[in-house]
N, C-alpha and C. Protein backbone atom coordinates (compact mmCIF):
# COMPACT_ATOMS: atom_id res chain seq x y z
N MET A 1 -85.61 52.13 199.28
CA MET A 1 -84.50 51.99 200.02
C MET A 1 -83.32 52.58 199.58
N ALA A 2 -82.55 53.38 200.42
CA ALA A 2 -81.41 54.15 199.78
C ALA A 2 -80.31 53.41 199.61
N ALA A 3 -79.31 53.90 198.87
CA ALA A 3 -78.23 53.13 198.48
C ALA A 3 -76.95 53.88 198.25
N ARG A 4 -76.03 53.46 198.75
CA ARG A 4 -74.60 54.14 198.80
C ARG A 4 -73.86 53.51 197.62
N MET A 5 -73.35 54.35 196.62
CA MET A 5 -72.68 53.73 195.55
C MET A 5 -71.20 53.35 195.71
N MET A 6 -70.81 52.12 195.29
CA MET A 6 -69.42 51.78 195.43
C MET A 6 -68.87 51.58 193.94
N ARG A 7 -67.70 51.94 193.89
CA ARG A 7 -67.12 51.86 192.44
C ARG A 7 -65.87 50.85 192.43
N SER A 8 -65.74 50.15 191.36
CA SER A 8 -64.48 49.28 191.08
C SER A 8 -64.27 49.31 189.68
N ALA A 9 -63.05 49.13 189.25
CA ALA A 9 -62.53 49.01 187.93
C ALA A 9 -62.23 47.64 187.38
N ASN A 10 -62.88 47.59 186.24
CA ASN A 10 -62.86 46.16 185.47
C ASN A 10 -62.40 46.52 183.99
N LEU A 11 -61.74 45.52 183.36
CA LEU A 11 -61.38 45.53 182.00
C LEU A 11 -62.55 45.21 181.25
N SER A 12 -62.99 45.82 180.19
CA SER A 12 -64.03 45.41 179.32
C SER A 12 -63.43 44.54 178.14
N SER A 13 -64.37 44.00 177.35
CA SER A 13 -63.96 43.06 176.39
C SER A 13 -62.97 43.76 175.24
N THR A 14 -63.02 45.06 175.29
CA THR A 14 -62.15 45.86 174.32
C THR A 14 -60.78 46.12 174.86
N GLY A 15 -60.61 45.80 176.28
CA GLY A 15 -59.21 45.92 176.82
C GLY A 15 -59.22 47.36 177.58
N ARG A 16 -60.26 48.12 177.39
CA ARG A 16 -60.12 49.38 178.11
C ARG A 16 -60.95 49.15 179.47
N THR A 17 -60.46 50.13 180.45
CA THR A 17 -60.85 50.08 181.83
C THR A 17 -62.20 50.70 181.95
N ARG A 18 -63.12 50.10 182.53
CA ARG A 18 -64.50 50.63 182.68
C ARG A 18 -64.82 50.55 184.17
N LEU A 19 -65.62 51.58 184.59
CA LEU A 19 -66.13 51.59 185.89
C LEU A 19 -67.44 50.95 186.16
N VAL A 20 -67.40 49.91 187.09
CA VAL A 20 -68.65 49.29 187.53
C VAL A 20 -68.93 49.76 188.76
N VAL A 21 -70.34 50.27 188.80
CA VAL A 21 -70.97 50.81 189.94
C VAL A 21 -71.77 49.60 190.79
N ARG A 22 -71.27 49.59 192.05
CA ARG A 22 -71.97 48.55 192.82
C ARG A 22 -72.78 49.42 193.87
N ALA A 23 -74.00 49.00 194.22
CA ALA A 23 -74.85 49.69 195.23
C ALA A 23 -74.79 48.98 196.62
N ALA A 24 -74.34 49.67 197.58
CA ALA A 24 -74.53 49.08 198.98
C ALA A 24 -75.87 49.45 199.60
N THR A 25 -76.58 48.48 199.82
CA THR A 25 -78.00 48.78 200.16
C THR A 25 -77.98 49.22 201.70
N ALA A 26 -78.70 50.34 201.94
CA ALA A 26 -78.73 50.88 203.24
C ALA A 26 -80.02 50.25 203.99
N VAL A 27 -79.89 49.52 204.94
CA VAL A 27 -81.02 49.04 205.62
C VAL A 27 -81.70 50.15 206.54
N PRO A 28 -83.11 50.18 206.21
CA PRO A 28 -83.78 51.24 206.93
C PRO A 28 -83.68 51.38 208.43
N LYS A 29 -83.73 52.52 208.97
CA LYS A 29 -83.28 52.57 210.40
C LYS A 29 -84.17 52.01 211.51
N GLN A 30 -85.52 51.68 210.99
CA GLN A 30 -86.34 50.95 211.88
C GLN A 30 -85.93 49.58 212.17
N PHE A 31 -85.14 48.97 211.35
CA PHE A 31 -84.61 47.64 211.39
C PHE A 31 -83.25 47.54 212.15
N LYS A 32 -83.12 46.93 213.23
CA LYS A 32 -81.93 47.07 214.10
C LYS A 32 -81.00 45.88 213.90
N ALA A 33 -81.51 44.84 213.21
CA ALA A 33 -80.66 43.63 213.03
C ALA A 33 -80.94 42.98 211.72
N VAL A 34 -79.92 42.22 211.15
CA VAL A 34 -80.01 41.50 210.03
C VAL A 34 -79.61 40.01 210.25
N LYS A 35 -80.59 39.15 210.04
CA LYS A 35 -80.26 37.79 210.36
C LYS A 35 -79.98 36.99 209.00
N PRO A 36 -78.91 36.52 208.83
CA PRO A 36 -78.57 35.67 207.64
C PRO A 36 -79.40 34.44 207.58
N VAL A 37 -79.76 34.00 206.24
CA VAL A 37 -80.57 32.78 206.12
C VAL A 37 -79.85 31.81 205.40
N GLY A 38 -79.95 30.64 205.69
CA GLY A 38 -79.17 29.44 204.99
C GLY A 38 -77.71 29.53 205.46
N ASP A 39 -76.83 29.22 204.46
CA ASP A 39 -75.36 29.20 204.80
C ASP A 39 -74.63 30.71 204.85
N ARG A 40 -75.36 31.53 204.99
CA ARG A 40 -74.90 33.05 204.80
C ARG A 40 -74.32 33.57 206.15
N VAL A 41 -73.39 34.46 206.21
CA VAL A 41 -72.88 34.98 207.25
C VAL A 41 -72.87 36.63 207.05
N LEU A 42 -72.97 37.45 208.15
CA LEU A 42 -73.03 38.82 208.04
C LEU A 42 -71.65 39.27 208.73
N VAL A 43 -70.88 40.09 207.94
CA VAL A 43 -69.67 40.42 208.46
C VAL A 43 -69.48 41.95 208.49
N LYS A 44 -69.12 42.54 209.57
CA LYS A 44 -68.94 43.89 209.71
C LYS A 44 -67.49 44.32 209.18
N VAL A 45 -67.46 45.18 208.10
CA VAL A 45 -66.17 45.26 207.44
C VAL A 45 -65.19 46.14 208.06
N ASP A 46 -63.89 45.82 208.16
CA ASP A 46 -62.91 46.58 208.77
C ASP A 46 -62.83 47.84 207.91
N LYS A 47 -62.56 48.90 208.63
CA LYS A 47 -62.36 50.11 207.92
C LYS A 47 -61.10 50.20 207.01
N GLY A 48 -61.12 50.89 205.99
CA GLY A 48 -60.06 50.83 205.03
C GLY A 48 -58.82 51.72 205.69
N GLU A 49 -57.71 51.37 205.34
CA GLU A 49 -56.61 52.18 205.86
C GLU A 49 -56.45 53.44 205.18
N ALA A 50 -56.42 54.63 205.86
CA ALA A 50 -56.34 55.91 205.52
C ALA A 50 -54.95 56.38 205.12
N LYS A 51 -53.80 55.56 205.52
CA LYS A 51 -52.54 55.94 205.07
C LYS A 51 -51.77 54.92 204.31
N SER A 52 -50.84 55.36 203.63
CA SER A 52 -50.02 54.32 202.99
C SER A 52 -49.06 53.71 204.05
N VAL A 53 -48.03 52.88 203.64
CA VAL A 53 -47.03 52.27 204.60
C VAL A 53 -46.07 53.33 205.04
N GLY A 54 -45.84 54.22 204.23
CA GLY A 54 -44.95 55.47 204.54
C GLY A 54 -45.62 56.59 205.30
N GLY A 55 -46.89 56.52 205.61
CA GLY A 55 -47.52 57.39 206.48
C GLY A 55 -48.27 58.50 205.58
N VAL A 56 -48.30 58.27 204.40
CA VAL A 56 -48.80 59.42 203.49
C VAL A 56 -50.49 59.24 203.52
N LEU A 57 -51.06 60.28 203.83
CA LEU A 57 -52.62 60.40 203.80
C LEU A 57 -53.11 60.04 202.32
N LEU A 58 -54.02 59.09 202.18
CA LEU A 58 -54.46 58.57 200.94
C LEU A 58 -55.92 59.22 200.68
N PRO A 59 -56.25 59.55 199.40
CA PRO A 59 -57.57 59.91 199.17
C PRO A 59 -58.48 58.64 199.25
N ALA A 60 -59.79 58.75 199.43
CA ALA A 60 -60.71 57.70 199.50
C ALA A 60 -60.64 56.81 198.43
N SER A 61 -60.51 57.57 196.99
CA SER A 61 -60.57 56.67 195.93
C SER A 61 -59.53 55.80 195.64
N VAL A 62 -58.28 55.83 196.23
CA VAL A 62 -57.30 54.97 196.05
C VAL A 62 -56.82 54.09 197.24
N ARG A 63 -57.60 54.21 198.29
CA ARG A 63 -57.43 53.10 199.45
C ARG A 63 -57.87 51.82 199.06
N ASN A 64 -57.20 50.80 199.57
CA ASN A 64 -57.67 49.44 199.23
C ASN A 64 -58.74 49.07 199.79
N LYS A 65 -59.61 48.28 199.03
CA LYS A 65 -61.12 48.02 199.50
C LYS A 65 -60.77 46.84 200.60
N PRO A 66 -61.29 47.01 201.86
CA PRO A 66 -61.13 46.09 202.87
C PRO A 66 -61.76 44.81 202.39
N THR A 67 -61.06 43.51 202.70
CA THR A 67 -61.67 42.18 202.46
C THR A 67 -61.71 41.41 203.75
N ALA A 68 -61.60 42.16 204.89
CA ALA A 68 -61.65 41.46 206.17
C ALA A 68 -62.67 42.20 207.04
N GLY A 69 -63.08 41.28 208.08
CA GLY A 69 -64.07 41.88 208.96
C GLY A 69 -64.42 40.90 210.03
N ALA A 70 -65.30 41.16 210.94
CA ALA A 70 -65.63 40.23 211.98
C ALA A 70 -67.09 39.69 211.81
N VAL A 71 -67.36 38.52 211.96
CA VAL A 71 -68.57 37.80 211.85
C VAL A 71 -69.49 38.34 213.07
N ILE A 72 -70.68 38.88 212.70
CA ILE A 72 -71.51 39.38 213.78
C ILE A 72 -72.85 38.62 213.80
N ALA A 73 -73.20 37.88 212.74
CA ALA A 73 -74.37 37.12 212.70
C ALA A 73 -74.10 36.07 211.63
N LEU A 74 -74.85 34.87 211.71
CA LEU A 74 -74.83 33.71 210.97
C LEU A 74 -76.05 32.92 210.84
N GLY A 75 -76.26 32.30 209.63
CA GLY A 75 -77.28 31.29 209.62
C GLY A 75 -76.91 29.96 210.06
N GLU A 76 -76.83 29.19 208.93
CA GLU A 76 -76.63 27.75 209.27
C GLU A 76 -74.95 27.39 208.84
N ALA A 77 -74.14 28.40 208.77
CA ALA A 77 -72.82 28.23 208.44
C ALA A 77 -72.18 27.36 209.55
N LYS A 78 -71.33 26.49 209.23
CA LYS A 78 -70.60 25.64 210.16
C LYS A 78 -69.12 25.81 210.36
N SER A 79 -68.54 26.48 209.34
CA SER A 79 -66.94 26.63 209.44
C SER A 79 -66.62 28.02 210.16
N VAL A 80 -67.46 28.83 210.56
CA VAL A 80 -67.07 30.01 211.24
C VAL A 80 -68.08 30.27 212.23
N LYS A 81 -67.66 31.06 213.23
CA LYS A 81 -68.52 31.32 214.43
C LYS A 81 -68.47 32.81 214.75
N LEU A 82 -69.44 33.31 215.49
CA LEU A 82 -69.56 34.76 216.05
C LEU A 82 -68.20 35.20 216.53
N SER A 83 -67.85 36.43 216.04
CA SER A 83 -66.72 37.29 216.25
C SER A 83 -65.36 36.63 215.60
N ASP A 84 -65.54 35.69 214.92
CA ASP A 84 -64.35 35.39 213.96
C ASP A 84 -63.87 36.46 213.20
N LYS A 85 -62.64 36.75 212.99
CA LYS A 85 -62.11 37.68 212.08
C LYS A 85 -61.83 36.96 210.74
N VAL A 86 -62.66 37.20 209.75
CA VAL A 86 -62.36 36.46 208.35
C VAL A 86 -61.87 37.28 207.40
N ILE A 87 -61.45 36.63 206.34
CA ILE A 87 -60.99 37.31 205.06
C ILE A 87 -62.02 36.56 204.02
N TYR A 88 -62.48 37.45 203.11
CA TYR A 88 -63.42 37.00 202.21
C TYR A 88 -63.05 37.38 200.77
N SER A 89 -63.62 36.89 199.67
CA SER A 89 -63.31 37.09 198.42
C SER A 89 -63.76 38.59 198.10
N LYS A 90 -62.95 39.26 197.20
CA LYS A 90 -63.08 40.76 197.10
C LYS A 90 -64.31 41.22 196.67
N PHE A 91 -64.87 40.57 195.57
CA PHE A 91 -66.12 41.10 195.09
C PHE A 91 -67.41 40.23 195.41
N ALA A 92 -67.24 39.42 196.34
CA ALA A 92 -68.28 38.48 196.85
C ALA A 92 -69.43 39.17 197.65
N GLY A 93 -70.55 38.56 197.79
CA GLY A 93 -71.50 39.07 198.72
C GLY A 93 -72.38 40.27 198.37
N THR A 94 -73.17 40.75 199.28
CA THR A 94 -74.00 41.69 198.94
C THR A 94 -73.51 42.91 200.13
N GLU A 95 -73.29 44.03 199.62
CA GLU A 95 -72.91 44.98 200.41
C GLU A 95 -74.00 45.75 201.11
N LEU A 96 -73.95 45.99 202.49
CA LEU A 96 -75.10 46.58 203.22
C LEU A 96 -74.57 47.64 204.08
N GLU A 97 -75.33 48.73 204.38
CA GLU A 97 -75.02 49.80 205.26
C GLU A 97 -76.00 49.74 206.47
N VAL A 98 -75.54 49.22 207.63
CA VAL A 98 -76.33 49.16 208.72
C VAL A 98 -75.89 50.05 209.82
N ALA A 99 -76.88 51.07 210.32
CA ALA A 99 -76.56 51.99 211.23
C ALA A 99 -75.35 52.85 210.91
N GLY A 100 -75.15 52.95 209.55
CA GLY A 100 -73.94 53.96 209.18
C GLY A 100 -72.65 53.19 209.00
N GLU A 101 -72.72 51.81 209.31
CA GLU A 101 -71.49 50.99 209.18
C GLU A 101 -71.55 50.00 207.97
N ASP A 102 -70.36 49.90 207.44
CA ASP A 102 -70.32 48.92 206.24
C ASP A 102 -70.23 47.40 206.75
N HIS A 103 -71.04 46.63 206.08
CA HIS A 103 -71.11 45.27 206.32
C HIS A 103 -71.40 44.51 204.91
N VAL A 104 -71.08 43.19 204.96
CA VAL A 104 -71.32 42.40 203.72
C VAL A 104 -71.88 41.04 204.08
N LEU A 105 -72.86 40.71 203.44
CA LEU A 105 -73.59 39.50 203.61
C LEU A 105 -73.04 38.45 202.55
N LEU A 106 -72.35 37.44 203.21
CA LEU A 106 -71.67 36.46 202.23
C LEU A 106 -72.18 35.08 202.34
N LYS A 107 -71.94 34.20 201.43
CA LYS A 107 -72.21 32.83 201.43
C LYS A 107 -70.93 32.21 202.22
N GLU A 108 -71.12 31.10 202.91
CA GLU A 108 -70.02 30.56 203.68
C GLU A 108 -68.90 30.36 202.77
N ASP A 109 -69.14 29.87 201.60
CA ASP A 109 -68.12 29.37 200.53
C ASP A 109 -67.28 30.65 200.15
N ASP A 110 -67.83 31.82 200.37
CA ASP A 110 -67.11 33.11 199.91
C ASP A 110 -65.98 33.39 200.87
N VAL A 111 -66.03 32.86 202.22
CA VAL A 111 -65.22 33.13 203.28
C VAL A 111 -63.81 32.35 202.99
N ILE A 112 -62.80 33.07 202.89
CA ILE A 112 -61.45 32.36 202.51
C ILE A 112 -60.78 31.79 203.51
N GLY A 113 -60.86 32.51 204.63
CA GLY A 113 -60.12 31.86 205.98
C GLY A 113 -60.38 32.86 207.20
N VAL A 114 -60.13 32.12 208.24
CA VAL A 114 -60.09 32.83 209.54
C VAL A 114 -58.99 33.29 210.10
N LEU A 115 -58.79 34.51 210.47
CA LEU A 115 -57.52 35.18 210.96
C LEU A 115 -57.44 34.97 212.49
N PRO A 116 -56.04 34.68 212.80
CA PRO A 116 -56.01 34.54 214.37
C PRO A 116 -55.97 35.87 215.01
N GLY A 117 -55.69 35.86 216.49
CA GLY A 117 -55.75 37.21 217.10
C GLY A 117 -54.74 38.12 216.75
N THR A 118 -53.57 37.58 216.15
CA THR A 118 -52.47 38.46 215.79
C THR A 118 -52.68 39.11 214.32
N ASP A 119 -53.70 38.69 213.59
CA ASP A 119 -53.98 39.31 212.24
C ASP A 119 -53.05 39.05 211.28
N LYS A 120 -52.25 38.07 211.53
CA LYS A 120 -51.15 37.60 210.50
C LYS A 120 -51.69 36.60 209.44
N VAL A 121 -51.60 37.01 208.27
CA VAL A 121 -51.89 36.20 207.08
C VAL A 121 -51.07 34.93 207.10
N ALA A 122 -49.84 34.95 207.61
CA ALA A 122 -48.99 33.77 207.52
C ALA A 122 -49.57 32.58 208.61
N GLN A 123 -50.52 33.02 209.50
CA GLN A 123 -51.29 32.12 210.43
C GLN A 123 -52.70 31.92 209.99
N LEU A 124 -53.05 32.37 208.82
CA LEU A 124 -54.48 32.22 208.40
C LEU A 124 -54.91 30.84 208.41
N LYS A 125 -56.13 30.43 208.95
CA LYS A 125 -56.70 29.12 208.79
C LYS A 125 -57.61 29.11 207.60
N PRO A 126 -57.07 28.56 206.35
CA PRO A 126 -57.92 28.60 205.29
C PRO A 126 -59.24 27.66 205.52
N LEU A 127 -60.41 27.96 204.63
CA LEU A 127 -61.55 27.26 205.08
C LEU A 127 -61.81 26.34 203.81
N GLY A 128 -62.60 25.25 204.02
CA GLY A 128 -62.95 24.35 202.94
C GLY A 128 -61.79 23.70 202.33
N ASP A 129 -61.91 23.61 200.93
CA ASP A 129 -60.76 23.06 200.19
C ASP A 129 -59.76 23.85 199.76
N ARG A 130 -59.57 25.13 200.58
CA ARG A 130 -58.43 25.89 200.17
C ARG A 130 -57.17 25.62 200.91
N VAL A 131 -56.08 26.16 200.30
CA VAL A 131 -54.71 25.93 200.77
C VAL A 131 -53.95 27.26 200.80
N LEU A 132 -53.21 27.61 201.85
CA LEU A 132 -52.39 28.65 201.97
C LEU A 132 -51.05 28.41 201.70
N ILE A 133 -50.33 29.09 200.64
CA ILE A 133 -49.11 28.86 200.10
C ILE A 133 -48.31 30.17 200.35
N LYS A 134 -46.97 29.93 200.77
CA LYS A 134 -45.99 31.00 200.91
C LYS A 134 -45.39 30.91 199.54
N GLY A 135 -45.54 31.92 198.75
CA GLY A 135 -44.89 32.02 197.55
C GLY A 135 -43.46 32.10 197.51
N ALA A 136 -42.87 31.40 196.27
CA ALA A 136 -41.38 31.43 196.03
C ALA A 136 -40.81 32.77 195.69
N LYS A 137 -39.63 33.06 195.97
CA LYS A 137 -39.05 34.35 195.54
C LYS A 137 -38.95 34.36 193.95
N ALA A 138 -39.08 35.55 193.37
CA ALA A 138 -38.96 35.86 192.01
C ALA A 138 -37.45 35.94 191.67
N GLU A 139 -37.10 35.15 190.61
CA GLU A 139 -35.84 35.16 189.98
C GLU A 139 -35.35 36.62 189.77
N ASP A 140 -34.21 37.19 190.03
CA ASP A 140 -33.77 38.33 189.64
C ASP A 140 -32.59 38.33 188.46
N LYS A 141 -32.45 37.11 188.01
CA LYS A 141 -31.67 37.04 186.80
C LYS A 141 -32.23 35.90 185.76
N THR A 142 -31.91 36.12 184.52
CA THR A 142 -32.25 35.17 183.52
C THR A 142 -31.42 33.93 183.57
N ALA A 143 -31.77 32.97 182.87
CA ALA A 143 -31.02 31.69 182.81
C ALA A 143 -29.52 32.15 182.26
N GLY A 144 -29.48 33.07 181.53
CA GLY A 144 -28.05 33.43 180.95
C GLY A 144 -27.38 34.60 181.92
N GLY A 145 -27.99 34.70 183.19
CA GLY A 145 -27.24 35.57 184.06
C GLY A 145 -27.41 37.16 183.93
N VAL A 146 -28.47 37.46 182.99
CA VAL A 146 -28.63 38.92 182.86
C VAL A 146 -29.50 39.34 184.00
N LEU A 147 -29.19 40.43 184.62
CA LEU A 147 -29.88 41.04 185.69
C LEU A 147 -31.29 41.50 185.27
N LEU A 148 -32.31 41.22 185.94
CA LEU A 148 -33.82 41.58 185.53
C LEU A 148 -34.02 42.94 186.24
N ALA A 149 -34.79 43.84 185.64
CA ALA A 149 -35.54 44.89 186.38
C ALA A 149 -36.53 44.34 187.37
N THR A 150 -36.76 44.99 188.42
CA THR A 150 -37.88 44.66 189.47
C THR A 150 -38.97 44.20 188.80
N ASP A 151 -39.57 45.01 187.95
CA ASP A 151 -40.96 44.65 187.35
C ASP A 151 -40.88 43.73 186.25
N SER A 152 -39.79 43.12 185.86
CA SER A 152 -39.71 42.22 184.65
C SER A 152 -39.41 40.93 185.09
N GLY A 153 -39.24 40.70 186.37
CA GLY A 153 -38.99 39.18 186.87
C GLY A 153 -40.37 38.63 186.74
N GLU A 154 -40.23 37.32 186.31
CA GLU A 154 -41.48 36.49 186.10
C GLU A 154 -41.98 35.94 187.48
N LYS A 155 -43.23 36.21 187.48
CA LYS A 155 -44.00 35.91 188.80
C LYS A 155 -43.91 34.34 189.04
N PRO A 156 -43.38 33.96 190.07
CA PRO A 156 -43.45 32.40 190.34
C PRO A 156 -44.88 31.93 190.56
N THR A 157 -45.22 30.69 190.18
CA THR A 157 -46.45 30.11 190.30
C THR A 157 -46.34 28.94 191.08
N PHE A 158 -45.29 28.77 192.16
CA PHE A 158 -45.28 27.83 193.07
C PHE A 158 -44.54 28.23 194.42
N GLY A 159 -44.89 27.39 195.39
CA GLY A 159 -44.51 27.82 196.77
C GLY A 159 -44.74 26.72 197.66
N THR A 160 -44.54 26.95 198.99
CA THR A 160 -44.59 25.98 200.04
C THR A 160 -45.95 26.02 200.79
N VAL A 161 -46.62 24.83 200.90
CA VAL A 161 -47.95 24.85 201.56
C VAL A 161 -47.70 25.05 203.16
N ILE A 162 -48.41 25.98 203.72
CA ILE A 162 -48.18 26.32 205.16
C ILE A 162 -49.35 26.11 205.92
N ALA A 163 -50.54 25.83 205.25
CA ALA A 163 -51.80 25.56 205.97
C ALA A 163 -52.78 24.94 204.93
N VAL A 164 -53.58 23.97 205.46
CA VAL A 164 -54.50 23.25 204.66
C VAL A 164 -56.03 23.37 205.17
N GLY A 165 -57.01 23.53 204.63
CA GLY A 165 -58.27 23.56 205.14
C GLY A 165 -58.73 22.24 205.44
N GLU A 166 -59.98 22.17 206.22
CA GLU A 166 -60.52 20.96 206.78
C GLU A 166 -61.13 20.13 205.56
N GLY A 167 -61.32 20.60 204.45
CA GLY A 167 -62.05 19.92 203.45
C GLY A 167 -63.32 20.48 203.03
N LYS A 168 -63.90 19.93 201.94
CA LYS A 168 -65.12 20.32 201.40
C LYS A 168 -66.13 19.08 201.33
N GLU A 169 -67.37 19.19 201.64
CA GLU A 169 -68.34 18.12 201.67
C GLU A 169 -68.51 17.68 200.17
N ASP A 170 -68.46 16.34 200.05
CA ASP A 170 -68.74 15.75 198.76
C ASP A 170 -70.16 15.71 198.40
N GLU A 171 -70.62 16.12 197.31
CA GLU A 171 -72.06 16.26 196.93
C GLU A 171 -72.80 14.93 197.03
N GLU A 172 -72.13 13.84 196.72
CA GLU A 172 -72.75 12.56 196.82
C GLU A 172 -72.84 11.75 198.09
N SER A 173 -71.58 11.80 198.74
CA SER A 173 -71.40 11.07 200.00
C SER A 173 -71.84 11.84 201.17
N LYS A 174 -71.71 13.06 200.86
CA LYS A 174 -71.94 14.13 202.06
C LYS A 174 -70.81 14.06 203.16
N GLN A 175 -69.71 13.50 202.77
CA GLN A 175 -68.66 13.41 203.73
C GLN A 175 -67.59 14.49 203.32
N VAL A 176 -66.97 14.97 204.41
CA VAL A 176 -65.86 16.04 204.03
C VAL A 176 -64.63 15.21 203.59
N VAL A 177 -64.24 15.94 202.46
CA VAL A 177 -62.95 15.27 201.81
C VAL A 177 -61.78 16.30 201.95
N LYS A 178 -60.93 16.05 202.63
CA LYS A 178 -59.64 16.95 202.84
C LYS A 178 -58.80 17.04 201.72
N PRO A 179 -58.37 18.35 201.36
CA PRO A 179 -57.38 18.52 200.20
C PRO A 179 -56.15 17.58 200.34
N ASN A 180 -56.05 16.91 199.07
CA ASN A 180 -54.74 15.90 199.07
C ASN A 180 -53.41 16.39 198.89
N VAL A 181 -53.12 17.42 199.70
CA VAL A 181 -51.85 18.11 199.82
C VAL A 181 -51.30 18.15 201.16
N GLU A 182 -50.05 18.03 201.51
CA GLU A 182 -49.41 18.15 202.70
C GLU A 182 -48.71 19.43 203.06
N MET A 183 -48.83 19.92 204.39
CA MET A 183 -48.10 21.11 204.92
C MET A 183 -46.64 20.77 204.77
N GLY A 184 -45.93 21.72 204.07
CA GLY A 184 -44.47 21.75 203.86
C GLY A 184 -44.19 21.29 202.46
N SER A 185 -45.19 20.81 201.70
CA SER A 185 -44.79 20.37 200.37
C SER A 185 -44.70 21.46 199.40
N THR A 186 -43.97 21.49 198.35
CA THR A 186 -43.89 22.54 197.40
C THR A 186 -44.73 22.20 196.23
N VAL A 187 -45.74 23.08 195.79
CA VAL A 187 -46.66 22.77 194.76
C VAL A 187 -46.65 23.86 193.72
N MET A 188 -47.18 23.56 192.52
CA MET A 188 -47.32 24.52 191.53
C MET A 188 -48.77 24.73 191.27
N TYR A 189 -49.08 26.05 191.15
CA TYR A 189 -50.56 26.45 190.94
C TYR A 189 -50.85 27.19 189.71
N SER A 190 -51.93 27.24 189.44
CA SER A 190 -52.53 28.02 188.14
C SER A 190 -52.26 29.48 188.31
N LYS A 191 -51.73 30.16 187.27
CA LYS A 191 -51.10 31.38 187.18
C LYS A 191 -52.12 32.57 187.83
N TYR A 192 -53.45 32.42 187.29
CA TYR A 192 -54.30 33.56 187.61
C TYR A 192 -55.30 33.07 188.63
N SER A 193 -55.03 31.94 189.56
CA SER A 193 -55.92 31.56 190.60
C SER A 193 -55.67 32.29 191.89
N GLY A 194 -56.69 32.01 192.67
CA GLY A 194 -56.41 32.47 194.24
C GLY A 194 -56.51 33.91 194.57
N THR A 195 -56.15 34.18 195.83
CA THR A 195 -56.28 35.40 196.34
C THR A 195 -54.93 35.74 196.93
N GLU A 196 -54.30 36.86 196.60
CA GLU A 196 -52.80 37.08 196.91
C GLU A 196 -52.86 38.11 198.11
N PHE A 197 -51.78 37.81 198.94
CA PHE A 197 -51.43 38.65 200.06
C PHE A 197 -50.12 39.03 200.08
N GLU A 198 -49.67 40.24 200.59
CA GLU A 198 -48.30 40.58 200.91
C GLU A 198 -48.03 40.93 202.41
N GLU A 199 -47.07 40.35 203.05
CA GLU A 199 -47.04 40.66 204.58
C GLU A 199 -45.60 40.35 204.97
N ASP A 200 -45.08 41.59 205.40
CA ASP A 200 -43.66 41.44 205.96
C ASP A 200 -42.71 41.19 204.81
N GLY A 201 -42.82 41.67 203.71
CA GLY A 201 -41.90 41.23 202.53
C GLY A 201 -42.25 39.85 201.82
N GLU A 202 -43.20 39.18 202.43
CA GLU A 202 -43.43 37.82 201.81
C GLU A 202 -44.72 37.88 201.06
N GLN A 203 -44.78 37.11 200.05
CA GLN A 203 -46.02 36.69 199.18
C GLN A 203 -46.65 35.48 199.57
N TYR A 204 -48.03 35.69 199.73
CA TYR A 204 -48.92 34.46 200.10
C TYR A 204 -50.03 34.52 199.20
N ILE A 205 -50.48 33.26 198.95
CA ILE A 205 -51.60 33.14 198.20
C ILE A 205 -52.56 32.07 198.61
N VAL A 206 -53.76 32.10 198.50
CA VAL A 206 -54.76 31.11 198.99
C VAL A 206 -55.49 30.62 197.77
N VAL A 207 -55.34 29.30 197.58
CA VAL A 207 -55.98 28.70 196.30
C VAL A 207 -56.90 27.53 196.76
N ARG A 208 -57.74 27.21 195.80
CA ARG A 208 -58.61 26.00 195.96
C ARG A 208 -57.56 24.87 195.58
N GLU A 209 -58.06 23.60 195.99
CA GLU A 209 -57.30 22.34 195.64
C GLU A 209 -57.26 22.15 194.29
N SER A 210 -58.32 22.42 193.60
CA SER A 210 -58.39 22.24 192.19
C SER A 210 -57.59 23.10 191.39
N ASP A 211 -56.98 24.02 191.95
CA ASP A 211 -56.00 25.19 191.28
C ASP A 211 -54.60 24.64 191.38
N ILE A 212 -54.30 23.49 192.20
CA ILE A 212 -53.02 23.06 192.36
C ILE A 212 -52.74 22.07 191.24
N LEU A 213 -51.78 22.48 190.61
CA LEU A 213 -51.41 21.61 189.27
C LEU A 213 -50.57 20.33 189.45
N ALA A 214 -49.54 20.47 190.37
CA ALA A 214 -48.66 19.50 190.70
C ALA A 214 -47.96 19.79 192.10
N GLN A 215 -47.30 18.63 192.55
CA GLN A 215 -46.38 18.71 193.74
C GLN A 215 -44.96 18.51 193.07
N LEU A 216 -44.01 19.32 193.58
CA LEU A 216 -42.70 19.38 193.08
C LEU A 216 -41.83 18.46 194.13
N ALA A 217 -40.88 17.65 193.72
CA ALA A 217 -40.14 16.82 194.60
C ALA A 217 -38.71 17.09 194.24
């Protein structure tokens, strides 16, 4: 089976950047369809943006890896349906090349949320026990009034809840338990948790309920 190599940069235990090579499995041409098994879904990956926001053409090596696409096949997954536009965890799933197109085979739990027709992250429907938070603005001054450089502002770890998933099935009772947070509440979350997005100058993050540390009042 042929394979197309994908590269990503990770930090090694020594602190140095190392390249991790991931193989996208090419499905042989005689097979025309891939049917997911169990709770898996098959997503056709959106093509990466070829230009920066300023219109500058980017080389393939520096384009953001797409983490969105359309569901084209599914097994027993219940939270998504065919043709849904979904966002998924960046390094999740098994990458496939089907008829020359990029696809990814995901577990249902790797799907972060479903995008509306507008493709706006602010209107994302988070799945399972996930929560969509609009991040607070970073402070541009210290407590003593000293102006901070743009890159030295402390990144906030709190924000406003704007969407809540329908919940996750309890392993014992088999009942769906909804996250215990309310839309509109201000919450504090773990610093290195979740998946971050930037849209129209605003910061958003999707975290699991377990990553929420406290509600602020």
